[in-house]
Amino acid sequence: MPEKRTEDDAVIRDIASAIAAGKCWIARQWGGPLADSAVADHQGECVWCEFDGDYIIGRLEEFNDWSGLTRVEYVDPGDPLLRPLRGSVESFMALDRVEQRALVRDAQGYNTEPLADS
């Protein structure tokens, strides 16, 4: 189980933690059946639930910028604004869905058990 987060944690550098934080934010914002379908793996309180929504969004915006996920595809490749994805992000994306889900559940603070691919 990951360590409890604190507001002193200024940045997220792990894509599984970014996904976990995003699932928590969505579950709180939308709730009900929409959250059940959009964030099926947010099954109760997680390590991100104690944080204010604006705090989580700030961390996610910073992560997206750092990770390369906010690349602008139409920019000239010679432009320094076009960055490749960070290696850790590419590595995560290369994992199969079951492994990705297990890492995200761990980042949520849930016990990880093998999950069926659904």
N, C-alpha and C. Protein backbone atom coordinates (compact mmCIF):
# COMPACT_ATOMS: atom_id res chain seq x y z
N MET A 1 0.85 -1.18 0.00
CA MET A 1 0.00 0.00 0.00
C MET A 1 0.89 1.24 0.00
N PRO A 2 0.57 2.22 -0.84
CA PRO A 2 1.41 3.41 -0.88
C PRO A 2 1.31 4.21 0.39
N GLU A 3 2.31 5.03 0.61
CA GLU A 3 2.28 5.91 1.78
C GLU A 3 1.15 6.90 1.63
N LYS A 4 0.63 7.35 2.76
CA LYS A 4 -0.42 8.36 2.75
C LYS A 4 0.13 9.64 2.12
N ARG A 5 -0.65 10.25 1.26
CA ARG A 5 -0.25 11.49 0.60
C ARG A 5 -0.40 12.67 1.55
N THR A 6 0.44 13.66 1.36
CA THR A 6 0.30 14.91 2.12
C THR A 6 0.34 16.07 1.14
N GLU A 7 -0.14 17.22 1.56
CA GLU A 7 -0.14 18.40 0.70
C GLU A 7 1.28 18.83 0.36
N ASP A 8 2.26 18.33 1.11
CA ASP A 8 3.65 18.64 0.80
C ASP A 8 4.15 17.89 -0.43
N ASP A 9 3.40 16.86 -0.85
CA ASP A 9 3.76 16.13 -2.08
C ASP A 9 3.45 17.06 -3.25
N ALA A 10 4.48 17.75 -3.72
CA ALA A 10 4.26 18.82 -4.69
C ALA A 10 3.98 18.30 -6.10
N VAL A 11 4.45 17.12 -6.43
CA VAL A 11 4.29 16.63 -7.79
C VAL A 11 3.96 15.15 -7.81
N ILE A 12 3.35 14.72 -8.92
CA ILE A 12 3.12 13.30 -9.18
C ILE A 12 4.06 12.93 -10.32
N ARG A 13 4.81 11.87 -10.15
CA ARG A 13 5.72 11.43 -11.19
C ARG A 13 5.45 9.99 -11.62
N ASP A 14 4.36 9.43 -11.18
CA ASP A 14 4.00 8.05 -11.48
C ASP A 14 2.64 8.06 -12.16
N ILE A 15 2.55 7.49 -13.37
CA ILE A 15 1.29 7.55 -14.11
C ILE A 15 0.17 6.80 -13.40
N ALA A 16 0.47 5.72 -12.68
CA ALA A 16 -0.58 5.01 -11.95
C ALA A 16 -1.17 5.91 -10.86
N SER A 17 -0.32 6.70 -10.20
CA SER A 17 -0.82 7.64 -9.19
C SER A 17 -1.65 8.75 -9.83
N ALA A 18 -1.24 9.20 -11.01
CA ALA A 18 -2.02 10.23 -11.70
C ALA A 18 -3.39 9.70 -12.08
N ILE A 19 -3.45 8.48 -12.56
CA ILE A 19 -4.73 7.87 -12.92
C ILE A 19 -5.59 7.69 -11.67
N ALA A 20 -4.98 7.23 -10.58
CA ALA A 20 -5.71 7.05 -9.32
C ALA A 20 -6.29 8.37 -8.84
N ALA A 21 -5.50 9.43 -8.89
CA ALA A 21 -5.98 10.75 -8.47
C ALA A 21 -7.12 11.21 -9.37
N GLY A 22 -6.99 10.98 -10.67
CA GLY A 22 -8.05 11.36 -11.60
C GLY A 22 -9.34 10.60 -11.36
N LYS A 23 -9.24 9.30 -11.08
CA LYS A 23 -10.42 8.51 -10.78
C LYS A 23 -11.13 9.03 -9.53
N CYS A 24 -10.35 9.41 -8.53
CA CYS A 24 -10.91 9.94 -7.30
C CYS A 24 -11.65 11.26 -7.57
N TRP A 25 -11.02 12.14 -8.33
CA TRP A 25 -11.63 13.43 -8.63
C TRP A 25 -12.93 13.23 -9.40
N ILE A 26 -12.92 12.36 -10.41
CA ILE A 26 -14.13 12.11 -11.20
C ILE A 26 -15.23 11.53 -10.33
N ALA A 27 -14.89 10.57 -9.48
CA ALA A 27 -15.90 9.95 -8.62
C ALA A 27 -16.57 10.99 -7.72
N ARG A 28 -15.78 11.93 -7.20
CA ARG A 28 -16.35 12.97 -6.34
C ARG A 28 -17.17 13.99 -7.11
N GLN A 29 -16.74 14.32 -8.31
CA GLN A 29 -17.43 15.34 -9.09
C GLN A 29 -18.74 14.83 -9.66
N TRP A 30 -18.74 13.61 -10.17
CA TRP A 30 -19.89 13.11 -10.89
C TRP A 30 -20.76 12.16 -10.07
N GLY A 31 -20.16 11.33 -9.25
CA GLY A 31 -20.91 10.42 -8.41
C GLY A 31 -21.92 9.56 -9.17
N GLY A 32 -22.64 8.75 -8.46
CA GLY A 32 -23.73 7.95 -9.01
C GLY A 32 -23.33 7.04 -10.15
N PRO A 33 -24.31 6.71 -11.01
CA PRO A 33 -24.07 5.74 -12.09
C PRO A 33 -22.98 6.18 -13.07
N LEU A 34 -22.88 7.48 -13.34
CA LEU A 34 -21.84 7.94 -14.25
C LEU A 34 -20.45 7.62 -13.70
N ALA A 35 -20.25 7.88 -12.42
CA ALA A 35 -18.96 7.57 -11.81
C ALA A 35 -18.73 6.06 -11.78
N ASP A 36 -19.81 5.30 -11.56
CA ASP A 36 -19.66 3.85 -11.54
C ASP A 36 -19.13 3.34 -12.88
N SER A 37 -19.59 3.92 -13.97
CA SER A 37 -19.12 3.45 -15.27
C SER A 37 -17.78 4.10 -15.65
N ALA A 38 -17.60 5.38 -15.29
CA ALA A 38 -16.38 6.10 -15.69
C ALA A 38 -15.18 5.70 -14.85
N VAL A 39 -15.40 5.39 -13.59
CA VAL A 39 -14.29 5.08 -12.68
C VAL A 39 -14.62 3.84 -11.88
N ALA A 40 -14.86 2.75 -12.58
CA ALA A 40 -15.30 1.52 -11.93
C ALA A 40 -14.36 1.06 -10.83
N ASP A 41 -13.10 1.44 -10.89
CA ASP A 41 -12.15 0.99 -9.88
C ASP A 41 -12.03 1.93 -8.69
N HIS A 42 -12.88 2.94 -8.57
CA HIS A 42 -12.89 3.79 -7.37
C HIS A 42 -13.98 3.26 -6.47
N GLN A 43 -13.62 2.27 -5.68
CA GLN A 43 -14.59 1.51 -4.89
C GLN A 43 -14.57 1.91 -3.43
N GLY A 44 -14.78 3.16 -3.16
CA GLY A 44 -14.74 3.64 -1.79
C GLY A 44 -13.53 4.52 -1.58
N GLU A 45 -13.31 4.89 -0.34
CA GLU A 45 -12.25 5.84 -0.02
C GLU A 45 -10.88 5.34 -0.44
N CYS A 46 -10.14 6.24 -1.09
CA CYS A 46 -8.78 5.92 -1.51
C CYS A 46 -7.82 6.95 -0.88
N VAL A 47 -6.53 6.81 -1.15
CA VAL A 47 -5.55 7.71 -0.54
C VAL A 47 -5.69 9.15 -1.04
N TRP A 48 -6.41 9.37 -2.15
CA TRP A 48 -6.58 10.71 -2.70
C TRP A 48 -7.84 11.40 -2.19
N CYS A 49 -8.76 10.67 -1.57
CA CYS A 49 -10.06 11.21 -1.17
C CYS A 49 -9.96 12.38 -0.18
N GLU A 50 -8.91 12.41 0.60
CA GLU A 50 -8.80 13.45 1.62
C GLU A 50 -8.42 14.82 1.05
N PHE A 51 -8.03 14.88 -0.23
CA PHE A 51 -7.55 16.14 -0.80
C PHE A 51 -8.65 16.90 -1.52
N ASP A 52 -8.53 18.20 -1.49
CA ASP A 52 -9.42 19.10 -2.19
C ASP A 52 -9.32 18.86 -3.70
N GLY A 53 -10.43 18.99 -4.40
CA GLY A 53 -10.45 18.77 -5.84
C GLY A 53 -9.50 19.68 -6.60
N ASP A 54 -9.40 20.94 -6.19
CA ASP A 54 -8.49 21.87 -6.87
C ASP A 54 -7.03 21.44 -6.70
N TYR A 55 -6.70 20.90 -5.53
CA TYR A 55 -5.35 20.40 -5.29
C TYR A 55 -5.03 19.25 -6.26
N ILE A 56 -5.98 18.32 -6.38
CA ILE A 56 -5.77 17.17 -7.27
C ILE A 56 -5.62 17.64 -8.71
N ILE A 57 -6.50 18.54 -9.16
CA ILE A 57 -6.42 19.03 -10.54
C ILE A 57 -5.07 19.71 -10.78
N GLY A 58 -4.59 20.48 -9.85
CA GLY A 58 -3.28 21.12 -9.98
C GLY A 58 -2.17 20.11 -10.15
N ARG A 59 -2.22 19.04 -9.36
CA ARG A 59 -1.21 17.99 -9.47
C ARG A 59 -1.30 17.28 -10.82
N LEU A 60 -2.52 17.05 -11.30
CA LEU A 60 -2.69 16.37 -12.58
C LEU A 60 -2.24 17.24 -13.75
N GLU A 61 -2.53 18.52 -13.68
CA GLU A 61 -2.07 19.42 -14.75
C GLU A 61 -0.55 19.43 -14.82
N GLU A 62 0.09 19.49 -13.67
CA GLU A 62 1.55 19.50 -13.63
C GLU A 62 2.10 18.16 -14.15
N PHE A 63 1.47 17.05 -13.76
CA PHE A 63 1.91 15.74 -14.24
C PHE A 63 1.77 15.65 -15.76
N ASN A 64 0.64 16.08 -16.28
CA ASN A 64 0.43 16.01 -17.73
C ASN A 64 1.49 16.80 -18.48
N ASP A 65 1.84 17.96 -17.97
CA ASP A 65 2.87 18.77 -18.61
C ASP A 65 4.23 18.06 -18.54
N TRP A 66 4.59 17.57 -17.37
CA TRP A 66 5.87 16.88 -17.18
C TRP A 66 5.97 15.61 -18.03
N SER A 67 4.88 14.86 -18.08
CA SER A 67 4.90 13.53 -18.70
C SER A 67 4.99 13.56 -20.22
N GLY A 68 4.60 14.65 -20.83
CA GLY A 68 4.52 14.71 -22.28
C GLY A 68 3.15 14.35 -22.81
N LEU A 69 2.21 14.06 -21.92
CA LEU A 69 0.87 13.68 -22.35
C LEU A 69 0.10 14.85 -22.96
N THR A 70 0.52 16.07 -22.70
CA THR A 70 -0.17 17.23 -23.25
C THR A 70 0.55 17.73 -24.51
N ARG A 71 1.19 16.83 -25.21
CA ARG A 71 1.89 17.20 -26.45
C ARG A 71 0.90 17.79 -27.44
N VAL A 72 1.37 18.71 -28.23
CA VAL A 72 0.58 19.27 -29.31
C VAL A 72 1.06 18.61 -30.59
N GLU A 73 0.27 17.71 -31.13
CA GLU A 73 0.71 16.87 -32.25
C GLU A 73 0.94 17.64 -33.54
N TYR A 74 0.26 18.75 -33.72
CA TYR A 74 0.37 19.46 -34.99
C TYR A 74 1.54 20.43 -35.03
N VAL A 75 2.28 20.53 -33.95
CA VAL A 75 3.43 21.44 -33.90
C VAL A 75 4.58 20.85 -34.71
N ASP A 76 5.34 21.70 -35.35
CA ASP A 76 6.52 21.29 -36.11
C ASP A 76 7.44 20.47 -35.20
N PRO A 77 7.88 19.27 -35.61
CA PRO A 77 8.76 18.45 -34.77
C PRO A 77 10.03 19.17 -34.32
N GLY A 78 10.46 20.20 -35.03
CA GLY A 78 11.63 20.96 -34.61
C GLY A 78 11.33 21.92 -33.48
N ASP A 79 10.05 22.08 -33.16
CA ASP A 79 9.64 23.00 -32.11
C ASP A 79 9.91 22.38 -30.74
N PRO A 80 10.56 23.11 -29.84
CA PRO A 80 10.87 22.54 -28.52
C PRO A 80 9.63 22.25 -27.68
N LEU A 81 8.46 22.73 -28.08
CA LEU A 81 7.24 22.43 -27.33
C LEU A 81 6.76 21.00 -27.55
N LEU A 82 7.22 20.37 -28.63
CA LEU A 82 6.84 18.99 -28.91
C LEU A 82 7.82 18.07 -28.19
N ARG A 83 7.37 17.42 -27.13
CA ARG A 83 8.25 16.57 -26.32
C ARG A 83 7.79 15.12 -26.42
N PRO A 84 8.71 14.19 -26.36
CA PRO A 84 8.32 12.78 -26.31
C PRO A 84 7.75 12.46 -24.92
N LEU A 85 7.04 11.34 -24.85
CA LEU A 85 6.55 10.88 -23.55
C LEU A 85 7.73 10.49 -22.67
N ARG A 86 7.58 10.67 -21.36
CA ARG A 86 8.61 10.19 -20.43
C ARG A 86 8.66 8.68 -20.52
N GLY A 87 9.85 8.13 -20.29
CA GLY A 87 10.04 6.68 -20.37
C GLY A 87 9.12 5.89 -19.46
N SER A 88 8.89 6.40 -18.25
CA SER A 88 8.03 5.68 -17.31
C SER A 88 6.58 5.64 -17.81
N VAL A 89 6.16 6.68 -18.52
CA VAL A 89 4.81 6.71 -19.08
C VAL A 89 4.71 5.70 -20.23
N GLU A 90 5.70 5.69 -21.11
CA GLU A 90 5.70 4.72 -22.21
C GLU A 90 5.73 3.29 -21.68
N SER A 91 6.51 3.05 -20.63
CA SER A 91 6.59 1.71 -20.04
C SER A 91 5.24 1.28 -19.49
N PHE A 92 4.55 2.18 -18.79
CA PHE A 92 3.23 1.87 -18.25
C PHE A 92 2.26 1.56 -19.38
N MET A 93 2.30 2.37 -20.43
CA MET A 93 1.37 2.20 -21.54
C MET A 93 1.63 0.89 -22.29
N ALA A 94 2.83 0.35 -22.19
CA ALA A 94 3.15 -0.91 -22.86
C ALA A 94 2.66 -2.13 -22.08
N LEU A 95 2.29 -1.95 -20.82
CA LEU A 95 1.79 -3.06 -20.00
C LEU A 95 0.40 -3.46 -20.46
N ASP A 96 0.02 -4.70 -20.18
CA ASP A 96 -1.35 -5.08 -20.52
C ASP A 96 -2.32 -4.46 -19.51
N ARG A 97 -3.59 -4.46 -19.86
CA ARG A 97 -4.61 -3.79 -19.06
C ARG A 97 -4.68 -4.29 -17.62
N VAL A 98 -4.53 -5.58 -17.44
CA VAL A 98 -4.62 -6.15 -16.09
C VAL A 98 -3.49 -5.61 -15.21
N GLU A 99 -2.27 -5.56 -15.77
CA GLU A 99 -1.14 -5.02 -15.01
C GLU A 99 -1.32 -3.53 -14.71
N GLN A 100 -1.81 -2.78 -15.68
CA GLN A 100 -2.07 -1.36 -15.46
C GLN A 100 -3.08 -1.16 -14.34
N ARG A 101 -4.18 -1.90 -14.40
CA ARG A 101 -5.22 -1.77 -13.37
C ARG A 101 -4.68 -2.11 -11.99
N ALA A 102 -3.85 -3.13 -11.89
CA ALA A 102 -3.28 -3.51 -10.60
C ALA A 102 -2.41 -2.39 -10.05
N LEU A 103 -1.61 -1.75 -10.89
CA LEU A 103 -0.77 -0.63 -10.45
C LEU A 103 -1.60 0.56 -10.00
N VAL A 104 -2.69 0.83 -10.72
CA VAL A 104 -3.56 1.94 -10.33
C VAL A 104 -4.25 1.64 -9.00
N ARG A 105 -4.74 0.42 -8.83
CA ARG A 105 -5.39 0.06 -7.55
C ARG A 105 -4.40 0.17 -6.39
N ASP A 106 -3.14 -0.20 -6.63
CA ASP A 106 -2.13 -0.04 -5.59
C ASP A 106 -1.93 1.44 -5.28
N ALA A 107 -1.91 2.28 -6.31
CA ALA A 107 -1.74 3.72 -6.11
C ALA A 107 -2.95 4.35 -5.43
N GLN A 108 -4.10 3.68 -5.51
CA GLN A 108 -5.29 4.15 -4.81
C GLN A 108 -5.27 3.75 -3.34
N GLY A 109 -4.40 2.80 -3.02
CA GLY A 109 -4.33 2.31 -1.65
C GLY A 109 -5.21 1.11 -1.40
N TYR A 110 -5.77 0.54 -2.46
CA TYR A 110 -6.59 -0.66 -2.32
C TYR A 110 -5.66 -1.87 -2.32
N ASN A 111 -6.11 -2.94 -1.70
CA ASN A 111 -5.34 -4.18 -1.78
C ASN A 111 -5.37 -4.64 -3.22
N THR A 112 -4.24 -5.03 -3.72
CA THR A 112 -4.22 -5.49 -5.11
C THR A 112 -4.32 -6.99 -5.16
N GLU A 113 -5.24 -7.44 -5.96
CA GLU A 113 -5.40 -8.85 -6.23
C GLU A 113 -5.46 -8.99 -7.74
N PRO A 114 -5.11 -10.15 -8.26
CA PRO A 114 -5.21 -10.33 -9.72
C PRO A 114 -6.63 -10.02 -10.17
N LEU A 115 -6.75 -9.21 -11.20
CA LEU A 115 -8.06 -8.83 -11.73
C LEU A 115 -8.27 -9.48 -13.07
N ALA A 116 -9.48 -9.93 -13.31
CA ALA A 116 -9.81 -10.48 -14.62
C ALA A 116 -9.87 -9.32 -15.61
N ASP A 117 -9.45 -9.58 -16.82
CA ASP A 117 -9.55 -8.55 -17.88
C ASP A 117 -11.01 -8.41 -18.24
N SER A 118 -11.53 -7.21 -18.04
CA SER A 118 -12.96 -7.01 -18.37
C SER A 118 -13.14 -5.80 -19.22
